[in-house]
Amino acid sequence: MNEKTKLIFFDLDGTLVDGMEYIYQHLWEYFGVDKTQTRETIQKYINKEITYEQWVNTDVKLLQDAGATKQKIMDAIMSLHPMEGALNTLRALKNMGYKIIIVSGGLDLVIEAVYGDEAKVLFDEVYINKYDFDSEGKLIGATPTKYDMEDKGTCIKDSAAKYGVEL
């Protein structure tokens, strides 16, 4: 085992990012997505009637129907900002030698908007949903994180094995 490597894991929404409670709710409200449809999809996922991937793809479809593009999504999230003290904490942890890992059901564009280029320095690994866009910025799909809400513990175990550290 590697006793020198230290891992620390963070969620994104409401932990490292402030200005909204939950990114998808923020986007649904911004784009005027029908709340009945979003509630039905969430309930289907909770009841295990659909997979996490199906849930993400349904959200993408709802946002596509509402006219979401990369630029419009970025406009929607530009009001978000680092949680108070997050940047100083992340920088201090990096200086102490920690590997910082984000494991979130959130959205990759939030990291880009909130942490910019510094994200590449701060975060060693990022496991998050990624939206896919065509060359004109049209939302065309998503690549769901393999560590969805129920699999965050698996991410921690897999990362510990990857870096050779004990849990």
N, C-alpha and C. Protein backbone atom coordinates (compact mmCIF):
# COMPACT_ATOMS: atom_id res chain seq x y z
N MET A 1 0.83 -1.20 0.00
CA MET A 1 0.00 0.00 0.00
C MET A 1 0.87 1.26 0.00
N ASN A 2 0.35 2.28 -0.64
CA ASN A 2 1.03 3.56 -0.73
C ASN A 2 0.55 4.46 0.40
N GLU A 3 1.39 4.66 1.40
CA GLU A 3 0.98 5.47 2.56
C GLU A 3 1.17 6.96 2.33
N LYS A 4 1.87 7.35 1.28
CA LYS A 4 2.12 8.77 1.03
C LYS A 4 0.98 9.44 0.27
N THR A 5 0.31 8.71 -0.60
CA THR A 5 -0.78 9.29 -1.38
C THR A 5 -2.01 9.45 -0.49
N LYS A 6 -2.60 10.62 -0.57
CA LYS A 6 -3.81 10.91 0.18
C LYS A 6 -4.88 11.34 -0.81
N LEU A 7 -6.06 10.76 -0.68
CA LEU A 7 -7.18 11.08 -1.56
C LEU A 7 -8.25 11.81 -0.77
N ILE A 8 -8.87 12.76 -1.42
CA ILE A 8 -10.02 13.42 -0.81
C ILE A 8 -11.07 13.60 -1.90
N PHE A 9 -12.30 13.32 -1.56
CA PHE A 9 -13.40 13.32 -2.52
C PHE A 9 -14.38 14.43 -2.19
N PHE A 10 -14.86 15.08 -3.25
CA PHE A 10 -15.86 16.13 -3.09
C PHE A 10 -17.01 15.90 -4.05
N ASP A 11 -18.20 16.23 -3.58
CA ASP A 11 -19.35 16.39 -4.45
C ASP A 11 -19.24 17.80 -5.03
N LEU A 12 -20.09 18.14 -5.98
CA LEU A 12 -19.99 19.45 -6.61
C LEU A 12 -21.10 20.39 -6.16
N ASP A 13 -22.34 20.08 -6.52
CA ASP A 13 -23.48 20.96 -6.23
C ASP A 13 -23.65 21.14 -4.72
N GLY A 14 -23.57 22.37 -4.27
CA GLY A 14 -23.79 22.67 -2.86
C GLY A 14 -22.60 22.36 -1.97
N THR A 15 -21.53 21.83 -2.54
CA THR A 15 -20.32 21.53 -1.78
C THR A 15 -19.18 22.42 -2.25
N LEU A 16 -18.84 22.32 -3.51
CA LEU A 16 -17.80 23.16 -4.10
C LEU A 16 -18.38 24.33 -4.89
N VAL A 17 -19.66 24.23 -5.22
CA VAL A 17 -20.31 25.26 -6.04
C VAL A 17 -21.54 25.78 -5.31
N ASP A 18 -21.66 27.10 -5.30
CA ASP A 18 -22.78 27.76 -4.66
C ASP A 18 -23.55 28.57 -5.71
N GLY A 19 -24.76 28.95 -5.38
CA GLY A 19 -25.58 29.75 -6.28
C GLY A 19 -26.77 28.98 -6.79
N MET A 20 -26.86 27.72 -6.44
CA MET A 20 -28.00 26.88 -6.79
C MET A 20 -27.99 25.68 -5.85
N GLU A 21 -29.14 25.02 -5.78
CA GLU A 21 -29.24 23.84 -4.93
C GLU A 21 -28.79 22.59 -5.67
N TYR A 22 -29.23 22.47 -6.92
CA TYR A 22 -29.02 21.26 -7.70
C TYR A 22 -28.99 21.71 -9.16
N ILE A 23 -27.94 21.38 -9.90
CA ILE A 23 -27.73 21.95 -11.23
C ILE A 23 -28.89 21.67 -12.18
N TYR A 24 -29.45 20.47 -12.13
CA TYR A 24 -30.52 20.18 -13.08
C TYR A 24 -31.77 20.98 -12.77
N GLN A 25 -32.09 21.14 -11.51
CA GLN A 25 -33.22 21.98 -11.12
C GLN A 25 -32.98 23.41 -11.60
N HIS A 26 -31.76 23.88 -11.44
CA HIS A 26 -31.39 25.22 -11.90
C HIS A 26 -31.62 25.35 -13.41
N LEU A 27 -31.17 24.36 -14.16
CA LEU A 27 -31.35 24.38 -15.62
C LEU A 27 -32.82 24.24 -16.01
N TRP A 28 -33.56 23.37 -15.33
CA TRP A 28 -34.98 23.20 -15.64
C TRP A 28 -35.72 24.53 -15.47
N GLU A 29 -35.42 25.22 -14.37
CA GLU A 29 -36.08 26.50 -14.11
C GLU A 29 -35.66 27.54 -15.15
N TYR A 30 -34.39 27.59 -15.46
CA TYR A 30 -33.89 28.57 -16.43
C TYR A 30 -34.53 28.37 -17.79
N PHE A 31 -34.67 27.11 -18.21
CA PHE A 31 -35.21 26.81 -19.54
C PHE A 31 -36.72 26.58 -19.53
N GLY A 32 -37.35 26.67 -18.37
CA GLY A 32 -38.80 26.51 -18.29
C GLY A 32 -39.28 25.10 -18.57
N VAL A 33 -38.50 24.10 -18.17
CA VAL A 33 -38.88 22.70 -18.38
C VAL A 33 -40.03 22.34 -17.46
N ASP A 34 -40.97 21.57 -17.97
CA ASP A 34 -42.16 21.14 -17.23
C ASP A 34 -41.75 20.32 -16.00
N LYS A 35 -42.10 20.83 -14.82
CA LYS A 35 -41.71 20.16 -13.57
C LYS A 35 -42.38 18.81 -13.41
N THR A 36 -43.55 18.63 -14.01
CA THR A 36 -44.23 17.34 -13.92
C THR A 36 -43.38 16.26 -14.57
N GLN A 37 -42.83 16.57 -15.74
CA GLN A 37 -41.99 15.60 -16.44
C GLN A 37 -40.72 15.28 -15.65
N THR A 38 -40.10 16.28 -15.06
CA THR A 38 -38.87 16.02 -14.32
C THR A 38 -39.16 15.19 -13.07
N ARG A 39 -40.26 15.48 -12.40
CA ARG A 39 -40.63 14.70 -11.21
C ARG A 39 -40.92 13.24 -11.58
N GLU A 40 -41.62 13.03 -12.69
CA GLU A 40 -41.94 11.67 -13.13
C GLU A 40 -40.66 10.88 -13.43
N THR A 41 -39.71 11.52 -14.07
CA THR A 41 -38.46 10.85 -14.40
C THR A 41 -37.68 10.50 -13.14
N ILE A 42 -37.59 11.44 -12.22
CA ILE A 42 -36.89 11.18 -10.95
C ILE A 42 -37.56 10.02 -10.22
N GLN A 43 -38.89 10.02 -10.17
CA GLN A 43 -39.61 8.95 -9.48
C GLN A 43 -39.36 7.60 -10.14
N LYS A 44 -39.32 7.57 -11.46
CA LYS A 44 -39.04 6.32 -12.18
C LYS A 44 -37.65 5.80 -11.83
N TYR A 45 -36.69 6.71 -11.71
CA TYR A 45 -35.33 6.29 -11.34
C TYR A 45 -35.32 5.77 -9.90
N ILE A 46 -35.93 6.49 -8.99
CA ILE A 46 -35.98 6.06 -7.59
C ILE A 46 -36.64 4.69 -7.47
N ASN A 47 -37.70 4.47 -8.27
CA ASN A 47 -38.42 3.19 -8.23
C ASN A 47 -37.72 2.09 -9.05
N LYS A 48 -36.54 2.44 -9.62
CA LYS A 48 -35.75 1.50 -10.42
C LYS A 48 -36.48 1.02 -11.67
N GLU A 49 -37.35 1.89 -12.20
CA GLU A 49 -38.04 1.59 -13.45
C GLU A 49 -37.18 1.98 -14.65
N ILE A 50 -36.24 2.91 -14.43
CA ILE A 50 -35.29 3.30 -15.48
C ILE A 50 -33.89 3.35 -14.86
N THR A 51 -32.90 3.27 -15.72
CA THR A 51 -31.51 3.35 -15.26
C THR A 51 -31.09 4.81 -15.11
N TYR A 52 -29.94 5.00 -14.50
CA TYR A 52 -29.40 6.35 -14.38
C TYR A 52 -29.15 6.94 -15.76
N GLU A 53 -28.62 6.14 -16.67
CA GLU A 53 -28.37 6.61 -18.03
C GLU A 53 -29.66 7.07 -18.71
N GLN A 54 -30.74 6.31 -18.51
CA GLN A 54 -32.03 6.72 -19.09
C GLN A 54 -32.52 8.02 -18.47
N TRP A 55 -32.29 8.19 -17.18
CA TRP A 55 -32.68 9.43 -16.50
C TRP A 55 -31.91 10.61 -17.11
N VAL A 56 -30.60 10.48 -17.25
CA VAL A 56 -29.78 11.55 -17.83
C VAL A 56 -30.24 11.86 -19.25
N ASN A 57 -30.48 10.81 -20.04
CA ASN A 57 -30.90 11.02 -21.43
C ASN A 57 -32.28 11.69 -21.51
N THR A 58 -33.16 11.38 -20.58
CA THR A 58 -34.46 12.05 -20.54
C THR A 58 -34.29 13.53 -20.22
N ASP A 59 -33.40 13.83 -19.27
CA ASP A 59 -33.12 15.24 -18.96
C ASP A 59 -32.57 15.98 -20.18
N VAL A 60 -31.67 15.33 -20.89
CA VAL A 60 -31.11 15.95 -22.10
C VAL A 60 -32.22 16.25 -23.09
N LYS A 61 -33.11 15.30 -23.29
CA LYS A 61 -34.22 15.48 -24.24
C LYS A 61 -35.10 16.66 -23.82
N LEU A 62 -35.39 16.76 -22.54
CA LEU A 62 -36.20 17.88 -22.05
C LEU A 62 -35.50 19.22 -22.30
N LEU A 63 -34.19 19.26 -22.07
CA LEU A 63 -33.45 20.49 -22.31
C LEU A 63 -33.33 20.79 -23.81
N GLN A 64 -33.16 19.74 -24.62
CA GLN A 64 -33.13 19.95 -26.07
C GLN A 64 -34.44 20.56 -26.54
N ASP A 65 -35.55 19.99 -26.07
CA ASP A 65 -36.87 20.49 -26.46
C ASP A 65 -37.08 21.94 -26.03
N ALA A 66 -36.38 22.35 -24.96
CA ALA A 66 -36.50 23.72 -24.46
C ALA A 66 -35.50 24.66 -25.14
N GLY A 67 -34.72 24.13 -26.09
CA GLY A 67 -33.81 24.98 -26.85
C GLY A 67 -32.43 25.17 -26.26
N ALA A 68 -32.03 24.28 -25.35
CA ALA A 68 -30.72 24.42 -24.72
C ALA A 68 -29.59 24.20 -25.72
N THR A 69 -28.62 25.09 -25.67
CA THR A 69 -27.37 24.97 -26.43
C THR A 69 -26.24 25.16 -25.42
N LYS A 70 -25.02 24.92 -25.85
CA LYS A 70 -23.89 25.11 -24.94
C LYS A 70 -23.85 26.55 -24.45
N GLN A 71 -24.01 27.50 -25.34
CA GLN A 71 -23.95 28.90 -24.94
C GLN A 71 -25.07 29.25 -23.97
N LYS A 72 -26.27 28.77 -24.23
CA LYS A 72 -27.39 29.08 -23.34
C LYS A 72 -27.21 28.41 -21.97
N ILE A 73 -26.66 27.20 -21.96
CA ILE A 73 -26.39 26.53 -20.68
C ILE A 73 -25.32 27.31 -19.92
N MET A 74 -24.27 27.74 -20.62
CA MET A 74 -23.23 28.54 -19.97
C MET A 74 -23.82 29.85 -19.43
N ASP A 75 -24.72 30.47 -20.18
CA ASP A 75 -25.39 31.68 -19.69
C ASP A 75 -26.17 31.39 -18.41
N ALA A 76 -26.80 30.23 -18.37
CA ALA A 76 -27.61 29.84 -17.21
C ALA A 76 -26.76 29.62 -15.97
N ILE A 77 -25.52 29.18 -16.16
CA ILE A 77 -24.70 28.83 -15.00
C ILE A 77 -23.63 29.87 -14.66
N MET A 78 -23.59 30.96 -15.41
CA MET A 78 -22.57 31.98 -15.14
C MET A 78 -22.75 32.67 -13.79
N SER A 79 -23.92 32.57 -13.21
CA SER A 79 -24.14 33.18 -11.89
C SER A 79 -23.62 32.30 -10.76
N LEU A 80 -23.23 31.07 -11.07
CA LEU A 80 -22.72 30.16 -10.04
C LEU A 80 -21.29 30.56 -9.67
N HIS A 81 -20.88 30.20 -8.47
CA HIS A 81 -19.56 30.59 -7.99
C HIS A 81 -19.06 29.57 -6.98
N PRO A 82 -17.75 29.59 -6.70
CA PRO A 82 -17.23 28.65 -5.70
C PRO A 82 -17.89 28.88 -4.34
N MET A 83 -18.13 27.81 -3.64
CA MET A 83 -18.63 27.92 -2.27
C MET A 83 -17.62 28.74 -1.46
N GLU A 84 -18.11 29.52 -0.53
CA GLU A 84 -17.21 30.34 0.28
C GLU A 84 -16.13 29.47 0.92
N GLY A 85 -14.89 29.85 0.71
CA GLY A 85 -13.76 29.11 1.28
C GLY A 85 -13.29 27.92 0.45
N ALA A 86 -14.02 27.57 -0.59
CA ALA A 86 -13.67 26.37 -1.36
C ALA A 86 -12.32 26.51 -2.05
N LEU A 87 -12.09 27.61 -2.72
CA LEU A 87 -10.81 27.77 -3.43
C LEU A 87 -9.62 27.70 -2.48
N ASN A 88 -9.70 28.40 -1.37
CA ASN A 88 -8.59 28.35 -0.40
C ASN A 88 -8.40 26.94 0.15
N THR A 89 -9.50 26.26 0.41
CA THR A 89 -9.42 24.90 0.93
C THR A 89 -8.80 23.96 -0.09
N LEU A 90 -9.26 24.05 -1.33
CA LEU A 90 -8.72 23.18 -2.39
C LEU A 90 -7.23 23.44 -2.61
N ARG A 91 -6.85 24.70 -2.65
CA ARG A 91 -5.43 25.05 -2.84
C ARG A 91 -4.58 24.52 -1.69
N ALA A 92 -5.09 24.66 -0.47
CA ALA A 92 -4.35 24.17 0.71
C ALA A 92 -4.21 22.64 0.66
N LEU A 93 -5.27 21.95 0.29
CA LEU A 93 -5.21 20.49 0.20
C LEU A 93 -4.20 20.05 -0.86
N LYS A 94 -4.20 20.75 -2.01
CA LYS A 94 -3.22 20.43 -3.07
C LYS A 94 -1.80 20.65 -2.54
N ASN A 95 -1.58 21.75 -1.81
CA ASN A 95 -0.26 22.04 -1.26
C ASN A 95 0.18 21.01 -0.22
N MET A 96 -0.79 20.37 0.42
CA MET A 96 -0.48 19.32 1.40
C MET A 96 -0.32 17.96 0.73
N GLY A 97 -0.48 17.92 -0.59
CA GLY A 97 -0.22 16.68 -1.33
C GLY A 97 -1.42 15.80 -1.60
N TYR A 98 -2.60 16.26 -1.32
CA TYR A 98 -3.80 15.46 -1.58
C TYR A 98 -4.08 15.35 -3.08
N LYS A 99 -4.59 14.20 -3.48
CA LYS A 99 -5.21 14.03 -4.79
C LYS A 99 -6.67 14.38 -4.57
N ILE A 100 -7.18 15.33 -5.34
CA ILE A 100 -8.56 15.78 -5.17
C ILE A 100 -9.40 15.21 -6.29
N ILE A 101 -10.47 14.56 -5.87
CA ILE A 101 -11.34 13.85 -6.81
C ILE A 101 -12.77 14.35 -6.64
N ILE A 102 -13.37 14.73 -7.76
CA ILE A 102 -14.79 15.09 -7.76
C ILE A 102 -15.58 13.87 -8.20
N VAL A 103 -16.58 13.51 -7.42
CA VAL A 103 -17.51 12.45 -7.80
C VAL A 103 -18.91 13.03 -7.60
N SER A 104 -19.59 13.25 -8.73
CA SER A 104 -20.83 14.02 -8.68
C SER A 104 -21.78 13.59 -9.79
N GLY A 105 -23.04 13.69 -9.52
CA GLY A 105 -24.05 13.50 -10.55
C GLY A 105 -24.33 14.82 -11.26
N GLY A 106 -23.49 15.81 -11.02
CA GLY A 106 -23.65 17.13 -11.62
C GLY A 106 -23.20 17.17 -13.07
N LEU A 107 -22.77 18.32 -13.49
CA LEU A 107 -22.49 18.57 -14.90
C LEU A 107 -21.11 19.17 -15.09
N ASP A 108 -20.37 18.65 -16.06
CA ASP A 108 -19.00 19.10 -16.33
C ASP A 108 -18.90 20.58 -16.63
N LEU A 109 -19.89 21.14 -17.29
CA LEU A 109 -19.84 22.56 -17.64
C LEU A 109 -19.81 23.46 -16.40
N VAL A 110 -20.33 22.97 -15.29
CA VAL A 110 -20.31 23.76 -14.06
C VAL A 110 -18.88 23.96 -13.59
N ILE A 111 -18.08 22.91 -13.66
CA ILE A 111 -16.67 23.02 -13.27
C ILE A 111 -15.97 24.04 -14.17
N GLU A 112 -16.22 23.94 -15.46
CA GLU A 112 -15.62 24.87 -16.43
C GLU A 112 -16.02 26.30 -16.12
N ALA A 113 -17.30 26.53 -15.84
CA ALA A 113 -17.79 27.88 -15.60
C ALA A 113 -17.30 28.45 -14.28
N VAL A 114 -17.25 27.62 -13.25
CA VAL A 114 -16.96 28.11 -11.90
C VAL A 114 -15.46 28.14 -11.60
N TYR A 115 -14.73 27.12 -12.03
CA TYR A 115 -13.31 27.02 -11.68
C TYR A 115 -12.37 27.31 -12.83
N GLY A 116 -12.89 27.39 -14.05
CA GLY A 116 -12.09 27.76 -15.20
C GLY A 116 -10.85 26.90 -15.38
N ASP A 117 -9.79 27.51 -15.85
CA ASP A 117 -8.54 26.78 -16.12
C ASP A 117 -7.91 26.19 -14.86
N GLU A 118 -8.19 26.79 -13.71
CA GLU A 118 -7.60 26.29 -12.46
C GLU A 118 -8.11 24.88 -12.13
N ALA A 119 -9.24 24.50 -12.68
CA ALA A 119 -9.77 23.16 -12.43
C ALA A 119 -8.76 22.08 -12.82
N LYS A 120 -8.03 22.31 -13.89
CA LYS A 120 -7.04 21.31 -14.34
C LYS A 120 -5.93 21.11 -13.32
N VAL A 121 -5.64 22.14 -12.55
CA VAL A 121 -4.61 22.06 -11.51
C VAL A 121 -5.19 21.50 -10.21
N LEU A 122 -6.40 21.90 -9.89
CA LEU A 122 -7.00 21.53 -8.61
C LEU A 122 -7.48 20.08 -8.55
N PHE A 123 -8.07 19.60 -9.65
CA PHE A 123 -8.75 18.31 -9.61
C PHE A 123 -7.95 17.25 -10.38
N ASP A 124 -7.59 16.19 -9.66
CA ASP A 124 -6.82 15.11 -10.26
C ASP A 124 -7.71 14.16 -11.06
N GLU A 125 -8.91 13.98 -10.62
CA GLU A 125 -9.88 13.12 -11.30
C GLU A 125 -11.24 13.80 -11.17
N VAL A 126 -12.05 13.67 -12.23
CA VAL A 126 -13.40 14.22 -12.20
C VAL A 126 -14.33 13.17 -12.79
N TYR A 127 -15.26 12.71 -11.98
CA TYR A 127 -16.27 11.75 -12.41
C TYR A 127 -17.62 12.47 -12.34
N ILE A 128 -18.14 12.82 -13.52
CA ILE A 128 -19.31 13.68 -13.58
C ILE A 128 -20.00 13.47 -14.93
N ASN A 129 -21.25 13.86 -15.04
CA ASN A 129 -21.95 13.80 -16.32
C ASN A 129 -21.37 14.83 -17.27
N LYS A 130 -21.25 14.43 -18.53
CA LYS A 130 -20.71 15.33 -19.55
C LYS A 130 -21.75 15.51 -20.65
N TYR A 131 -22.05 16.75 -20.96
CA TYR A 131 -22.95 17.03 -22.07
C TYR A 131 -22.15 17.06 -23.36
N ASP A 132 -22.76 16.56 -24.42
CA ASP A 132 -22.14 16.50 -25.74
C ASP A 132 -22.84 17.51 -26.65
N PHE A 133 -22.03 18.22 -27.43
CA PHE A 133 -22.53 19.25 -28.33
C PHE A 133 -21.96 19.04 -29.72
N ASP A 134 -22.71 19.46 -30.73
CA ASP A 134 -22.17 19.40 -32.09
C ASP A 134 -21.30 20.63 -32.33
N SER A 135 -20.78 20.76 -33.53
CA SER A 135 -19.84 21.85 -33.85
C SER A 135 -20.49 23.23 -33.75
N GLU A 136 -21.80 23.29 -33.77
CA GLU A 136 -22.51 24.57 -33.66
C GLU A 136 -23.01 24.85 -32.24
N GLY A 137 -22.68 23.95 -31.31
CA GLY A 137 -23.08 24.15 -29.92
C GLY A 137 -24.42 23.58 -29.54
N LYS A 138 -25.05 22.84 -30.45
CA LYS A 138 -26.35 22.23 -30.16
C LYS A 138 -26.14 21.02 -29.23
N LEU A 139 -26.95 20.94 -28.19
CA LEU A 139 -26.91 19.81 -27.27
C LEU A 139 -27.38 18.56 -27.99
N ILE A 140 -26.50 17.56 -28.10
CA ILE A 140 -26.84 16.36 -28.86
C ILE A 140 -26.89 15.09 -28.01
N GLY A 141 -26.50 15.18 -26.76
CA GLY A 141 -26.55 14.00 -25.90
C GLY A 141 -25.73 14.22 -24.65
N ALA A 142 -25.51 13.10 -23.95
CA ALA A 142 -24.73 13.17 -22.71
C ALA A 142 -24.00 11.86 -22.50
N THR A 143 -22.91 11.96 -21.78
CA THR A 143 -22.16 10.79 -21.34
C THR A 143 -22.31 10.77 -19.82
N PRO A 144 -23.19 9.88 -19.30
CA PRO A 144 -23.40 9.84 -17.86
C PRO A 144 -22.17 9.33 -17.11
N THR A 145 -21.97 9.84 -15.92
CA THR A 145 -20.91 9.33 -15.07
C THR A 145 -21.17 7.86 -14.75
N LYS A 146 -20.12 7.08 -14.66
CA LYS A 146 -20.31 5.68 -14.27
C LYS A 146 -20.51 5.55 -12.77
N TYR A 147 -20.27 6.64 -12.06
CA TYR A 147 -20.46 6.65 -10.61
C TYR A 147 -21.66 7.53 -10.27
N ASP A 148 -22.85 7.00 -10.57
CA ASP A 148 -24.06 7.76 -10.31
C ASP A 148 -24.31 7.85 -8.81
N MET A 149 -25.48 8.30 -8.46
CA MET A 149 -25.80 8.57 -7.06
C MET A 149 -25.54 7.37 -6.15
N GLU A 150 -25.87 6.19 -6.62
CA GLU A 150 -25.71 5.00 -5.78
C GLU A 150 -24.32 4.41 -5.84
N ASP A 151 -23.48 4.88 -6.75
CA ASP A 151 -22.17 4.27 -6.96
C ASP A 151 -21.00 5.14 -6.51
N LYS A 152 -21.24 6.17 -5.74
CA LYS A 152 -20.14 7.02 -5.28
C LYS A 152 -19.18 6.23 -4.39
N GLY A 153 -19.70 5.32 -3.60
CA GLY A 153 -18.84 4.47 -2.77
C GLY A 153 -17.93 3.60 -3.62
N THR A 154 -18.45 3.14 -4.75
CA THR A 154 -17.64 2.36 -5.68
C THR A 154 -16.50 3.20 -6.23
N CYS A 155 -16.76 4.46 -6.51
CA CYS A 155 -15.72 5.38 -6.99
C CYS A 155 -14.59 5.48 -5.97
N ILE A 156 -14.96 5.61 -4.71
CA ILE A 156 -13.95 5.72 -3.66
C ILE A 156 -13.11 4.44 -3.60
N LYS A 157 -13.76 3.30 -3.66
CA LYS A 157 -13.03 2.02 -3.63
C LYS A 157 -12.13 1.87 -4.86
N ASP A 158 -12.66 2.20 -6.04
CA ASP A 158 -11.88 2.08 -7.28
C ASP A 158 -10.68 3.02 -7.26
N SER A 159 -10.88 4.22 -6.77
CA SER A 159 -9.79 5.20 -6.70
C SER A 159 -8.72 4.77 -5.70
N ALA A 160 -9.14 4.24 -4.57
CA ALA A 160 -8.18 3.74 -3.59
C ALA A 160 -7.32 2.63 -4.21
N ALA A 161 -7.97 1.75 -4.94
CA ALA A 161 -7.21 0.67 -5.61
C ALA A 161 -6.27 1.25 -6.66
N LYS A 162 -6.75 2.20 -7.45
CA LYS A 162 -5.93 2.82 -8.51
C LYS A 162 -4.68 3.46 -7.94
N TYR A 163 -4.82 4.18 -6.82
CA TYR A 163 -3.70 4.89 -6.24
C TYR A 163 -2.95 4.07 -5.19
N GLY A 164 -3.43 2.85 -4.94
CA GLY A 164 -2.74 1.98 -3.99
C GLY A 164 -2.80 2.46 -2.55
N VAL A 165 -3.95 2.96 -2.15
CA VAL A 165 -4.12 3.42 -0.77
C VAL A 165 -5.22 2.63 -0.09
N GLU A 166 -5.14 2.57 1.23
CA GLU A 166 -6.21 1.92 1.99
C GLU A 166 -7.37 2.88 2.13
N LEU A 167 -8.56 2.28 2.27
CA LEU A 167 -9.74 3.13 2.47
C LEU A 167 -9.70 3.82 3.82
